Amino acid sequence: QRQLVESGGGLVHGGGSLTLSCKAPRMITSVYNTKTFTWYRQAPGKERELVASISSDRSTNYADVVKDRFTISRDNSRKTVYLQMKDLNADDTGVYYCNVNAYETDYWGQGTQVTVSA
């Protein structure tokens, strides 16, 4: 089983909303609570780019292109990080990945596809 498991992707019309989840089922809770989690995305033919991150003290960071539209949050009791996305547009289409550096290793989830139709 992977360290990170993403879900919540799908097909949505422009202007719509989706919420992605990133669970860390195998991570020890005491370790999970100290880690920064980051969402990345990769559009077809483009490089992977940072979307948003949340640290252990819940401070957040966003790419300029998603500010005021996306919200990252975490529920430590569920060992889950969320990415709420609204006002989606075609440029938000891509595979969304969750990332964390833990146990001296960089972990990635399998990705979840988000497709925004015009």
PDB file of N, CA and C in Angstrom:
ATOM      1  N   GLN A   1       0.848  -1.192   0.000  1.00  0.00           N
ATOM      2  CA  GLN A   1       0.000   0.000   0.000  1.00  0.00           C
ATOM      3  C   GLN A   1       0.883   1.242   0.000  1.00  0.00           C
ATOM      4  N   ARG A   2       0.461   2.207  -0.815  1.00  0.00           N
ATOM      5  CA  ARG A   2       1.226   3.432  -0.925  1.00  0.00           C
ATOM      6  C   ARG A   2       1.186   4.253   0.354  1.00  0.00           C
ATOM      7  N   GLN A   3       2.178   5.099   0.506  1.00  0.00           N
ATOM      8  CA  GLN A   3       2.168   6.046   1.626  1.00  0.00           C
ATOM      9  C   GLN A   3       1.093   7.101   1.439  1.00  0.00           C
ATOM     10  N   LEU A   4       0.847   7.482   0.176  1.00  0.00           N
ATOM     11  CA  LEU A   4      -0.139   8.519  -0.119  1.00  0.00           C
ATOM     12  C   LEU A   4      -1.147   8.004  -1.136  1.00  0.00           C
ATOM     13  N   VAL A   5      -2.410   8.269  -0.881  1.00  0.00           N
ATOM     14  CA  VAL A   5      -3.473   7.840  -1.779  1.00  0.00           C
ATOM     15  C   VAL A   5      -4.385   9.027  -2.058  1.00  0.00           C
ATOM     16  N   GLU A   6      -4.423   9.452  -3.336  1.00  0.00           N
ATOM     17  CA  GLU A   6      -5.284  10.564  -3.713  1.00  0.00           C
ATOM     18  C   GLU A   6      -6.618  10.062  -4.233  1.00  0.00           C
ATOM     19  N   SER A   7      -7.624  10.903  -4.116  1.00  0.00           N
ATOM     20  CA  SER A   7      -8.942  10.603  -4.666  1.00  0.00           C
ATOM     21  C   SER A   7      -9.685  11.913  -4.867  1.00  0.00           C
ATOM     22  N   GLY A   8     -10.811  11.826  -5.564  1.00  0.00           N
ATOM     23  CA  GLY A   8     -11.677  12.981  -5.715  1.00  0.00           C
ATOM     24  C   GLY A   8     -11.665  13.633  -7.083  1.00  0.00           C
ATOM     25  N   GLY A   9     -10.778  13.181  -7.949  1.00  0.00           N
ATOM     26  CA  GLY A   9     -10.740  13.771  -9.277  1.00  0.00           C
ATOM     27  C   GLY A   9     -11.970  13.395 -10.088  1.00  0.00           C
ATOM     28  N   GLY A  10     -12.089  14.011 -11.252  1.00  0.00           N
ATOM     29  CA  GLY A  10     -13.217  13.694 -12.118  1.00  0.00           C
ATOM     30  C   GLY A  10     -13.364  14.719 -13.220  1.00  0.00           C
ATOM     31  N   LEU A  11     -14.489  14.629 -13.910  1.00  0.00           N
ATOM     32  CA  LEU A  11     -14.818  15.541 -14.997  1.00  0.00           C
ATOM     33  C   LEU A  11     -15.803  16.581 -14.475  1.00  0.00           C
ATOM     34  N   VAL A  12     -15.497  17.842 -14.729  1.00  0.00           N
ATOM     35  CA  VAL A  12     -16.351  18.920 -14.252  1.00  0.00           C
ATOM     36  C   VAL A  12     -16.419  20.004 -15.322  1.00  0.00           C
ATOM     37  N   HIS A  13     -17.543  20.683 -15.384  1.00  0.00           N
ATOM     38  CA  HIS A  13     -17.687  21.792 -16.322  1.00  0.00           C
ATOM     39  C   HIS A  13     -16.946  23.021 -15.808  1.00  0.00           C
ATOM     40  N   GLY A  14     -16.554  23.866 -16.718  1.00  0.00           N
ATOM     41  CA  GLY A  14     -15.906  25.104 -16.336  1.00  0.00           C
ATOM     42  C   GLY A  14     -16.757  25.879 -15.342  1.00  0.00           C
ATOM     43  N   GLY A  15     -16.108  26.437 -14.327  1.00  0.00           N
ATOM     44  CA  GLY A  15     -16.830  27.141 -13.277  1.00  0.00           C
ATOM     45  C   GLY A  15     -17.243  26.247 -12.126  1.00  0.00           C
ATOM     46  N   GLY A  16     -17.055  24.949 -12.299  1.00  0.00           N
ATOM     47  CA  GLY A  16     -17.447  23.988 -11.279  1.00  0.00           C
ATOM     48  C   GLY A  16     -16.420  23.836 -10.169  1.00  0.00           C
ATOM     49  N   SER A  17     -16.704  22.900  -9.277  1.00  0.00           N
ATOM     50  CA  SER A  17     -15.857  22.688  -8.101  1.00  0.00           C
ATOM     51  C   SER A  17     -15.557  21.201  -7.911  1.00  0.00           C
ATOM     52  N   LEU A  18     -14.442  20.927  -7.294  1.00  0.00           N
ATOM     53  CA  LEU A  18     -14.060  19.577  -6.887  1.00  0.00           C
ATOM     54  C   LEU A  18     -13.256  19.682  -5.610  1.00  0.00           C
ATOM     55  N   THR A  19     -13.300  18.621  -4.826  1.00  0.00           N
ATOM     56  CA  THR A  19     -12.431  18.537  -3.657  1.00  0.00           C
ATOM     57  C   THR A  19     -11.618  17.254  -3.740  1.00  0.00           C
ATOM     58  N   LEU A  20     -10.303  17.408  -3.716  1.00  0.00           N
ATOM     59  CA  LEU A  20      -9.398  16.263  -3.741  1.00  0.00           C
ATOM     60  C   LEU A  20      -8.976  15.909  -2.327  1.00  0.00           C
ATOM     61  N   SER A  21      -8.714  14.612  -2.131  1.00  0.00           N
ATOM     62  CA  SER A  21      -8.239  14.143  -0.827  1.00  0.00           C
ATOM     63  C   SER A  21      -6.921  13.408  -1.005  1.00  0.00           C
ATOM     64  N   CYS A  22      -6.076  13.526  -0.017  1.00  0.00           N
ATOM     65  CA  CYS A  22      -4.806  12.813   0.012  1.00  0.00           C
ATOM     66  C   CYS A  22      -4.677  12.174   1.390  1.00  0.00           C
ATOM     67  N   LYS A  23      -4.771  10.850   1.412  1.00  0.00           N
ATOM     68  CA  LYS A  23      -4.683  10.130   2.678  1.00  0.00           C
ATOM     69  C   LYS A  23      -3.310   9.493   2.823  1.00  0.00           C
ATOM     70  N   ALA A  24      -2.866   9.409   4.069  1.00  0.00           N
ATOM     71  CA  ALA A  24      -1.572   8.797   4.374  1.00  0.00           C
ATOM     72  C   ALA A  24      -1.795   7.645   5.352  1.00  0.00           C
ATOM     73  N   PRO A  25      -2.382   6.551   4.862  1.00  0.00           N
ATOM     74  CA  PRO A  25      -2.817   5.483   5.757  1.00  0.00           C
ATOM     75  C   PRO A  25      -1.706   4.776   6.509  1.00  0.00           C
ATOM     76  N   ARG A  26      -0.528   4.735   5.926  1.00  0.00           N
ATOM     77  CA  ARG A  26       0.554   3.995   6.557  1.00  0.00           C
ATOM     78  C   ARG A  26       1.439   4.853   7.440  1.00  0.00           C
ATOM     79  N   MET A  27       1.255   6.145   7.392  1.00  0.00           N
ATOM     80  CA  MET A  27       2.168   7.029   8.128  1.00  0.00           C
ATOM     81  C   MET A  27       1.790   7.078   9.594  1.00  0.00           C
ATOM     82  N   ILE A  28       2.794   6.962  10.431  1.00  0.00           N
ATOM     83  CA  ILE A  28       2.555   7.076  11.869  1.00  0.00           C
ATOM     84  C   ILE A  28       2.026   8.473  12.167  1.00  0.00           C
ATOM     85  N   THR A  29       1.005   8.561  12.970  1.00  0.00           N
ATOM     86  CA  THR A  29       0.347   9.841  13.231  1.00  0.00           C
ATOM     87  C   THR A  29       1.311  10.894  13.745  1.00  0.00           C
ATOM     88  N   SER A  30       2.193  10.502  14.643  1.00  0.00           N
ATOM     89  CA  SER A  30       3.140  11.471  15.207  1.00  0.00           C
ATOM     90  C   SER A  30       4.066  12.016  14.129  1.00  0.00           C
ATOM     91  N   VAL A  31       4.348  11.224  13.109  1.00  0.00           N
ATOM     92  CA  VAL A  31       5.161  11.695  11.991  1.00  0.00           C
ATOM     93  C   VAL A  31       4.311  12.568  11.071  1.00  0.00           C
ATOM     94  N   TYR A  32       3.114  12.080  10.745  1.00  0.00           N
ATOM     95  CA  TYR A  32       2.207  12.828   9.870  1.00  0.00           C
ATOM     96  C   TYR A  32       2.034  14.270  10.351  1.00  0.00           C
ATOM     97  N   ASN A  33       1.831  14.420  11.644  1.00  0.00           N
ATOM     98  CA  ASN A  33       1.513  15.743  12.202  1.00  0.00           C
ATOM     99  C   ASN A  33       2.653  16.745  12.048  1.00  0.00           C
ATOM    100  N   THR A  34       3.846  16.278  11.780  1.00  0.00           N
ATOM    101  CA  THR A  34       5.003  17.182  11.669  1.00  0.00           C
ATOM    102  C   THR A  34       5.354  17.534  10.231  1.00  0.00           C
ATOM    103  N   LYS A  35       4.626  16.955   9.270  1.00  0.00           N
ATOM    104  CA  LYS A  35       5.035  17.072   7.880  1.00  0.00           C
ATOM    105  C   LYS A  35       4.264  18.123   7.085  1.00  0.00           C
ATOM    106  N   THR A  36       4.978  18.667   6.104  1.00  0.00           N
ATOM    107  CA  THR A  36       4.368  19.542   5.111  1.00  0.00           C
ATOM    108  C   THR A  36       3.913  18.696   3.933  1.00  0.00           C
ATOM    109  N   PHE A  37       2.689  18.902   3.516  1.00  0.00           N
ATOM    110  CA  PHE A  37       2.132  18.188   2.364  1.00  0.00           C
ATOM    111  C   PHE A  37       1.912  19.177   1.224  1.00  0.00           C
ATOM    112  N   THR A  38       2.183  18.704   0.038  1.00  0.00           N
ATOM    113  CA  THR A  38       2.109  19.573  -1.132  1.00  0.00           C
ATOM    114  C   THR A  38       1.302  18.907  -2.235  1.00  0.00           C
ATOM    115  N   TRP A  39       0.443  19.689  -2.873  1.00  0.00           N
ATOM    116  CA  TRP A  39      -0.263  19.242  -4.077  1.00  0.00           C
ATOM    117  C   TRP A  39       0.486  19.808  -5.292  1.00  0.00           C
ATOM    118  N   TYR A  40       0.722  18.922  -6.256  1.00  0.00           N
ATOM    119  CA  TYR A  40       1.275  19.303  -7.546  1.00  0.00           C
ATOM    120  C   TYR A  40       0.268  18.890  -8.622  1.00  0.00           C
ATOM    121  N   ARG A  41       0.442  19.425  -9.795  1.00  0.00           N
ATOM    122  CA  ARG A  41      -0.354  18.959 -10.935  1.00  0.00           C
ATOM    123  C   ARG A  41       0.514  18.948 -12.175  1.00  0.00           C
ATOM    124  N   GLN A  42       0.093  18.096 -13.110  1.00  0.00           N
ATOM    125  CA  GLN A  42       0.798  18.007 -14.374  1.00  0.00           C
ATOM    126  C   GLN A  42      -0.210  17.939 -15.502  1.00  0.00           C
ATOM    127  N   ALA A  43      -0.171  18.956 -16.356  1.00  0.00           N
ATOM    128  CA  ALA A  43      -1.043  18.986 -17.521  1.00  0.00           C
ATOM    129  C   ALA A  43      -0.346  18.255 -18.670  1.00  0.00           C
ATOM    130  N   PRO A  44      -1.106  17.770 -19.635  1.00  0.00           N
ATOM    131  CA  PRO A  44      -0.510  17.056 -20.768  1.00  0.00           C
ATOM    132  C   PRO A  44       0.538  17.909 -21.467  1.00  0.00           C
ATOM    133  N   GLY A  45       1.723  17.347 -21.650  1.00  0.00           N
ATOM    134  CA  GLY A  45       2.790  18.030 -22.356  1.00  0.00           C
ATOM    135  C   GLY A  45       3.497  19.106 -21.554  1.00  0.00           C
ATOM    136  N   LYS A  46       3.164  19.220 -20.269  1.00  0.00           N
ATOM    137  CA  LYS A  46       3.776  20.253 -19.434  1.00  0.00           C
ATOM    138  C   LYS A  46       4.486  19.621 -18.243  1.00  0.00           C
ATOM    139  N   GLU A  47       5.344  20.417 -17.611  1.00  0.00           N
ATOM    140  CA  GLU A  47       6.044  19.938 -16.437  1.00  0.00           C
ATOM    141  C   GLU A  47       5.125  19.985 -15.224  1.00  0.00           C
ATOM    142  N   ARG A  48       5.473  19.161 -14.242  1.00  0.00           N
ATOM    143  CA  ARG A  48       4.725  19.161 -12.999  1.00  0.00           C
ATOM    144  C   ARG A  48       4.942  20.491 -12.292  1.00  0.00           C
ATOM    145  N   GLU A  49       3.866  21.057 -11.733  1.00  0.00           N
ATOM    146  CA  GLU A  49       3.968  22.354 -11.069  1.00  0.00           C
ATOM    147  C   GLU A  49       3.319  22.303  -9.690  1.00  0.00           C
ATOM    148  N   LEU A  50       3.872  23.107  -8.792  1.00  0.00           N
ATOM    149  CA  LEU A  50       3.324  23.185  -7.442  1.00  0.00           C
ATOM    150  C   LEU A  50       1.995  23.931  -7.470  1.00  0.00           C
ATOM    151  N   VAL A  51       1.025  23.389  -6.761  1.00  0.00           N
ATOM    152  CA  VAL A  51      -0.282  24.021  -6.669  1.00  0.00           C
ATOM    153  C   VAL A  51      -0.464  24.673  -5.297  1.00  0.00           C
ATOM    154  N   ALA A  52      -0.256  23.902  -4.240  1.00  0.00           N
ATOM    155  CA  ALA A  52      -0.464  24.418  -2.887  1.00  0.00           C
ATOM    156  C   ALA A  52       0.240  23.513  -1.889  1.00  0.00           C
ATOM    157  N   SER A  53       0.597  24.094  -0.752  1.00  0.00           N
ATOM    158  CA  SER A  53       1.206  23.302   0.307  1.00  0.00           C
ATOM    159  C   SER A  53       0.667  23.752   1.657  1.00  0.00           C
ATOM    160  N   ILE A  54       0.748  22.835   2.622  1.00  0.00           N
ATOM    161  CA  ILE A  54       0.312  23.150   3.985  1.00  0.00           C
ATOM    162  C   ILE A  54       1.310  22.522   4.949  1.00  0.00           C
ATOM    163  N   SER A  55       1.760  23.322   5.886  1.00  0.00           N
ATOM    164  CA  SER A  55       2.774  22.846   6.820  1.00  0.00           C
ATOM    165  C   SER A  55       2.111  22.289   8.084  1.00  0.00           C
ATOM    166  N   SER A  56       2.946  21.833   8.998  1.00  0.00           N
ATOM    167  CA  SER A  56       2.431  21.235  10.222  1.00  0.00           C
ATOM    168  C   SER A  56       1.675  22.259  11.079  1.00  0.00           C
ATOM    169  N   ASP A  57       2.041  23.523  10.969  1.00  0.00           N
ATOM    170  CA  ASP A  57       1.326  24.554  11.743  1.00  0.00           C
ATOM    171  C   ASP A  57       0.177  25.163  10.940  1.00  0.00           C
ATOM    172  N   ARG A  58      -0.150  24.508   9.824  1.00  0.00           N
ATOM    173  CA  ARG A  58      -1.268  24.875   8.949  1.00  0.00           C
ATOM    174  C   ARG A  58      -1.038  26.171   8.169  1.00  0.00           C
ATOM    175  N   SER A  59       0.196  26.634   8.112  1.00  0.00           N
ATOM    176  CA  SER A  59       0.468  27.742   7.204  1.00  0.00           C
ATOM    177  C   SER A  59       0.419  27.205   5.776  1.00  0.00           C
ATOM    178  N   THR A  60      -0.060  28.033   4.871  1.00  0.00           N
ATOM    179  CA  THR A  60      -0.303  27.574   3.501  1.00  0.00           C
ATOM    180  C   THR A  60       0.436  28.426   2.483  1.00  0.00           C
ATOM    181  N   ASN A  61       0.613  27.820   1.318  1.00  0.00           N
ATOM    182  CA  ASN A  61       1.258  28.508   0.212  1.00  0.00           C
ATOM    183  C   ASN A  61       0.545  28.081  -1.067  1.00  0.00           C
ATOM    184  N   TYR A  62       0.313  29.030  -1.962  1.00  0.00           N
ATOM    185  CA  TYR A  62      -0.412  28.738  -3.193  1.00  0.00           C
ATOM    186  C   TYR A  62       0.321  29.281  -4.410  1.00  0.00           C
ATOM    187  N   ALA A  63       0.183  28.580  -5.522  1.00  0.00           N
ATOM    188  CA  ALA A  63       0.617  29.142  -6.793  1.00  0.00           C
ATOM    189  C   ALA A  63      -0.295  30.316  -7.119  1.00  0.00           C
ATOM    190  N   ASP A  64       0.271  31.322  -7.764  1.00  0.00           N
ATOM    191  CA  ASP A  64      -0.506  32.531  -8.070  1.00  0.00           C
ATOM    192  C   ASP A  64      -1.758  32.212  -8.887  1.00  0.00           C
ATOM    193  N   VAL A  65      -1.660  31.229  -9.763  1.00  0.00           N
ATOM    194  CA  VAL A  65      -2.771  30.948 -10.675  1.00  0.00           C
ATOM    195  C   VAL A  65      -3.958  30.302  -9.979  1.00  0.00           C
ATOM    196  N   VAL A  66      -3.788  29.842  -8.733  1.00  0.00           N
ATOM    197  CA  VAL A  66      -4.906  29.203  -8.042  1.00  0.00           C
ATOM    198  C   VAL A  66      -5.332  29.972  -6.795  1.00  0.00           C
ATOM    199  N   LYS A  67      -4.586  31.003  -6.448  1.00  0.00           N
ATOM    200  CA  LYS A  67      -4.952  31.792  -5.262  1.00  0.00           C
ATOM    201  C   LYS A  67      -6.381  32.304  -5.389  1.00  0.00           C
ATOM    202  N   ASP A  68      -7.095  32.308  -4.286  1.00  0.00           N
ATOM    203  CA  ASP A  68      -8.481  32.771  -4.193  1.00  0.00           C
ATOM    204  C   ASP A  68      -9.467  31.799  -4.830  1.00  0.00           C
ATOM    205  N   ARG A  69      -8.980  30.713  -5.440  1.00  0.00           N
ATOM    206  CA  ARG A  69      -9.883  29.696  -5.998  1.00  0.00           C
ATOM    207  C   ARG A  69      -9.715  28.350  -5.301  1.00  0.00           C
ATOM    208  N   PHE A  70      -8.494  28.034  -4.868  1.00  0.00           N
ATOM    209  CA  PHE A  70      -8.204  26.753  -4.237  1.00  0.00           C
ATOM    210  C   PHE A  70      -7.917  26.975  -2.751  1.00  0.00           C
ATOM    211  N   THR A  71      -8.291  25.993  -1.952  1.00  0.00           N
ATOM    212  CA  THR A  71      -8.007  26.022  -0.517  1.00  0.00           C
ATOM    213  C   THR A  71      -7.464  24.669  -0.081  1.00  0.00           C
ATOM    214  N   ILE A  72      -6.299  24.689   0.533  1.00  0.00           N
ATOM    215  CA  ILE A  72      -5.708  23.468   1.060  1.00  0.00           C
ATOM    216  C   ILE A  72      -5.942  23.417   2.564  1.00  0.00           C
ATOM    217  N   SER A  73      -6.238  22.233   3.060  1.00  0.00           N
ATOM    218  CA  SER A  73      -6.477  22.072   4.495  1.00  0.00           C
ATOM    219  C   SER A  73      -6.045  20.666   4.897  1.00  0.00           C
ATOM    220  N   ARG A  74      -6.005  20.430   6.195  1.00  0.00           N
ATOM    221  CA  ARG A  74      -5.616  19.105   6.670  1.00  0.00           C
ATOM    222  C   ARG A  74      -6.434  18.718   7.879  1.00  0.00           C
ATOM    223  N   ASP A  75      -6.690  17.413   7.989  1.00  0.00           N
ATOM    224  CA  ASP A  75      -7.373  16.848   9.145  1.00  0.00           C
ATOM    225  C   ASP A  75      -6.433  15.810   9.725  1.00  0.00           C
ATOM    226  N   ASN A  76      -5.708  16.195  10.752  1.00  0.00           N
ATOM    227  CA  ASN A  76      -4.698  15.300  11.307  1.00  0.00           C
ATOM    228  C   ASN A  76      -5.320  14.032  11.893  1.00  0.00           C
ATOM    229  N   SER A  77      -6.546  14.130  12.393  1.00  0.00           N
ATOM    230  CA  SER A  77      -7.181  12.948  12.983  1.00  0.00           C
ATOM    231  C   SER A  77      -7.468  11.885  11.929  1.00  0.00           C
ATOM    232  N   ARG A  78      -7.613  12.325  10.693  1.00  0.00           N
ATOM    233  CA  ARG A  78      -7.856  11.398   9.581  1.00  0.00           C
ATOM    234  C   ARG A  78      -6.613  11.204   8.717  1.00  0.00           C
ATOM    235  N   LYS A  79      -5.542  11.876   9.076  1.00  0.00           N
ATOM    236  CA  LYS A  79      -4.307  11.817   8.281  1.00  0.00           C
ATOM    237  C   LYS A  79      -4.622  12.092   6.819  1.00  0.00           C
ATOM    238  N   THR A  80      -5.368  13.162   6.601  1.00  0.00           N
ATOM    239  CA  THR A  80      -5.829  13.496   5.251  1.00  0.00           C
ATOM    240  C   THR A  80      -5.635  14.982   4.987  1.00  0.00           C
ATOM    241  N   VAL A  81      -5.163  15.260   3.783  1.00  0.00           N
ATOM    242  CA  VAL A  81      -5.036  16.634   3.301  1.00  0.00           C
ATOM    243  C   VAL A  81      -6.047  16.816   2.175  1.00  0.00           C
ATOM    244  N   TYR A  82      -6.700  17.975   2.154  1.00  0.00           N
ATOM    245  CA  TYR A  82      -7.724  18.258   1.157  1.00  0.00           C
ATOM    246  C   TYR A  82      -7.302  19.421   0.268  1.00  0.00           C
ATOM    247  N   LEU A  83      -7.798  19.399  -0.952  1.00  0.00           N
ATOM    248  CA  LEU A  83      -7.635  20.528  -1.856  1.00  0.00           C
ATOM    249  C   LEU A  83      -9.006  20.851  -2.430  1.00  0.00           C
ATOM    250  N   GLN A  84      -9.596  21.925  -1.907  1.00  0.00           N
ATOM    251  CA  GLN A  84     -10.892  22.369  -2.413  1.00  0.00           C
ATOM    252  C   GLN A  84     -10.637  23.299  -3.589  1.00  0.00           C
ATOM    253  N   MET A  85     -11.264  22.991  -4.713  1.00  0.00           N
ATOM    254  CA  MET A  85     -11.051  23.763  -5.927  1.00  0.00           C
ATOM    255  C   MET A  85     -12.387  24.300  -6.419  1.00  0.00           C
ATOM    256  N   LYS A  86     -12.441  25.581  -6.704  1.00  0.00           N
ATOM    257  CA  LYS A  86     -13.660  26.196  -7.226  1.00  0.00           C
ATOM    258  C   LYS A  86     -13.315  27.048  -8.438  1.00  0.00           C
ATOM    259  N   ASP A  87     -14.366  27.442  -9.156  1.00  0.00           N
ATOM    260  CA  ASP A  87     -14.177  28.267 -10.360  1.00  0.00           C
ATOM    261  C   ASP A  87     -13.140  27.633 -11.297  1.00  0.00           C
ATOM    262  N   LEU A  88     -13.267  26.336 -11.480  1.00  0.00           N
ATOM    263  CA  LEU A  88     -12.310  25.610 -12.303  1.00  0.00           C
ATOM    264  C   LEU A  88     -12.410  26.028 -13.759  1.00  0.00           C
ATOM    265  N   ASN A  89     -11.267  26.023 -14.429  1.00  0.00           N
ATOM    266  CA  ASN A  89     -11.232  26.324 -15.848  1.00  0.00           C
ATOM    267  C   ASN A  89     -10.366  25.281 -16.558  1.00  0.00           C
ATOM    268  N   ALA A  90     -10.322  25.366 -17.860  1.00  0.00           N
ATOM    269  CA  ALA A  90      -9.625  24.345 -18.659  1.00  0.00           C
ATOM    270  C   ALA A  90      -8.142  24.248 -18.287  1.00  0.00           C
ATOM    271  N   ASP A  91      -7.553  25.351 -17.861  1.00  0.00           N
ATOM    272  CA  ASP A  91      -6.132  25.331 -17.498  1.00  0.00           C
ATOM    273  C   ASP A  91      -5.867  24.546 -16.212  1.00  0.00           C
ATOM    274  N   ASP A  92      -6.904  24.208 -15.488  1.00  0.00           N
ATOM    275  CA  ASP A  92      -6.749  23.408 -14.272  1.00  0.00           C
ATOM    276  C   ASP A  92      -6.743  21.902 -14.577  1.00  0.00           C
ATOM    277  N   THR A  93      -6.967  21.547 -15.815  1.00  0.00           N
ATOM    278  CA  THR A  93      -6.964  20.138 -16.210  1.00  0.00           C
ATOM    279  C   THR A  93      -5.580  19.531 -16.040  1.00  0.00           C
ATOM    280  N   GLY A  94      -5.540  18.331 -15.493  1.00  0.00           N
ATOM    281  CA  GLY A  94      -4.273  17.643 -15.325  1.00  0.00           C
ATOM    282  C   GLY A  94      -4.388  16.541 -14.286  1.00  0.00           C
ATOM    283  N   VAL A  95      -3.275  15.887 -14.046  1.00  0.00           N
ATOM    284  CA  VAL A  95      -3.216  14.886 -12.982  1.00  0.00           C
ATOM    285  C   VAL A  95      -2.666  15.575 -11.734  1.00  0.00           C
ATOM    286  N   TYR A  96      -3.379  15.429 -10.648  1.00  0.00           N
ATOM    287  CA  TYR A  96      -3.008  16.070  -9.392  1.00  0.00           C
ATOM    288  C   TYR A  96      -2.356  15.029  -8.484  1.00  0.00           C
ATOM    289  N   TYR A  97      -1.194  15.407  -7.960  1.00  0.00           N
ATOM    290  CA  TYR A  97      -0.408  14.516  -7.117  1.00  0.00           C
ATOM    291  C   TYR A  97      -0.195  15.135  -5.740  1.00  0.00           C
ATOM    292  N   CYS A  98      -0.182  14.265  -4.748  1.00  0.00           N
ATOM    293  CA  CYS A  98       0.139  14.673  -3.389  1.00  0.00           C
ATOM    294  C   CYS A  98       1.582  14.247  -3.095  1.00  0.00           C
ATOM    295  N   ASN A  99       2.273  15.063  -2.336  1.00  0.00           N
ATOM    296  CA  ASN A  99       3.690  14.801  -2.046  1.00  0.00           C
ATOM    297  C   ASN A  99       4.008  15.097  -0.591  1.00  0.00           C
ATOM    298  N   VAL A 100       4.897  14.271  -0.039  1.00  0.00           N
ATOM    299  CA  VAL A 100       5.422  14.532   1.302  1.00  0.00           C
ATOM    300  C   VAL A 100       6.822  13.950   1.391  1.00  0.00           C
ATOM    301  N   ASN A 101       7.660  14.599   2.148  1.00  0.00           N
ATOM    302  CA  ASN A 101       8.983  14.054   2.432  1.00  0.00           C
ATOM    303  C   ASN A 101       8.971  13.532   3.853  1.00  0.00           C
ATOM    304  N   ALA A 102       9.118  12.213   3.983  1.00  0.00           N
ATOM    305  CA  ALA A 102       9.076  11.586   5.294  1.00  0.00           C
ATOM    306  C   ALA A 102       9.997  10.377   5.289  1.00  0.00           C
ATOM    307  N   TYR A 103      10.504  10.046   6.467  1.00  0.00           N
ATOM    308  CA  TYR A 103      11.408   8.909   6.596  1.00  0.00           C
ATOM    309  C   TYR A 103      12.565   9.039   5.603  1.00  0.00           C
ATOM    310  N   GLU A 104      13.004  10.290   5.375  1.00  0.00           N
ATOM    311  CA  GLU A 104      14.119  10.592   4.459  1.00  0.00           C
ATOM    312  C   GLU A 104      13.817  10.166   3.031  1.00  0.00           C
ATOM    313  N   THR A 105      12.568  10.138   2.683  1.00  0.00           N
ATOM    314  CA  THR A 105      12.157   9.723   1.346  1.00  0.00           C
ATOM    315  C   THR A 105      11.078  10.677   0.829  1.00  0.00           C
ATOM    316  N   ASP A 106      11.131  10.938  -0.471  1.00  0.00           N
ATOM    317  CA  ASP A 106      10.130  11.775  -1.126  1.00  0.00           C
ATOM    318  C   ASP A 106       9.027  10.851  -1.638  1.00  0.00           C
ATOM    319  N   TYR A 107       7.815  10.999  -1.086  1.00  0.00           N
ATOM    320  CA  TYR A 107       6.713  10.136  -1.480  1.00  0.00           C
ATOM    321  C   TYR A 107       5.720  10.882  -2.367  1.00  0.00           C
ATOM    322  N   TRP A 108       5.201  10.141  -3.351  1.00  0.00           N
ATOM    323  CA  TRP A 108       4.173  10.651  -4.247  1.00  0.00           C
ATOM    324  C   TRP A 108       3.015   9.665  -4.270  1.00  0.00           C
ATOM    325  N   GLY A 109       1.822  10.211  -4.407  1.00  0.00           N
ATOM    326  CA  GLY A 109       0.681   9.353  -4.621  1.00  0.00           C
ATOM    327  C   GLY A 109       0.601   8.943  -6.087  1.00  0.00           C
ATOM    328  N   GLN A 110      -0.438   8.190  -6.401  1.00  0.00           N
ATOM    329  CA  GLN A 110      -0.607   7.688  -7.768  1.00  0.00           C
ATOM    330  C   GLN A 110      -1.212   8.728  -8.689  1.00  0.00           C
ATOM    331  N   GLY A 111      -1.731   9.801  -8.109  1.00  0.00           N
ATOM    332  CA  GLY A 111      -2.335  10.860  -8.902  1.00  0.00           C
ATOM    333  C   GLY A 111      -3.823  10.657  -9.105  1.00  0.00           C
ATOM    334  N   THR A 112      -4.529  11.767  -9.278  1.00  0.00           N
ATOM    335  CA  THR A 112      -5.951  11.716  -9.582  1.00  0.00           C
ATOM    336  C   THR A 112      -6.225  12.722 -10.700  1.00  0.00           C
ATOM    337  N   GLN A 113      -6.953  12.270 -11.701  1.00  0.00           N
ATOM    338  CA  GLN A 113      -7.174  13.070 -12.905  1.00  0.00           C
ATOM    339  C   GLN A 113      -8.301  14.078 -12.685  1.00  0.00           C
ATOM    340  N   VAL A 114      -8.023  15.319 -13.039  1.00  0.00           N
ATOM    341  CA  VAL A 114      -9.034  16.371 -13.050  1.00  0.00           C
ATOM    342  C   VAL A 114      -9.168  16.874 -14.487  1.00  0.00           C
ATOM    343  N   THR A 115     -10.374  16.827 -14.999  1.00  0.00           N
ATOM    344  CA  THR A 115     -10.623  17.299 -16.352  1.00  0.00           C
ATOM    345  C   THR A 115     -11.734  18.338 -16.305  1.00  0.00           C
ATOM    346  N   VAL A 116     -11.424  19.520 -16.813  1.00  0.00           N
ATOM    347  CA  VAL A 116     -12.399  20.604 -16.833  1.00  0.00           C
ATOM    348  C   VAL A 116     -12.808  20.846 -18.275  1.00  0.00           C
ATOM    349  N   SER A 117     -14.067  20.669 -18.550  1.00  0.00           N
ATOM    350  CA  SER A 117     -14.571  20.883 -19.904  1.00  0.00           C
ATOM    351  C   SER A 117     -15.020  22.329 -20.071  1.00  0.00           C
ATOM    352  N   ALA A 118     -14.901  22.790 -21.303  1.00  0.00           N
ATOM    353  CA  ALA A 118     -15.255  24.195 -21.578  1.00  0.00           C
ATOM    354  C   ALA A 118     -16.763  24.403 -21.475  1.00  0.00           C
TER     355      ALA A 118
END
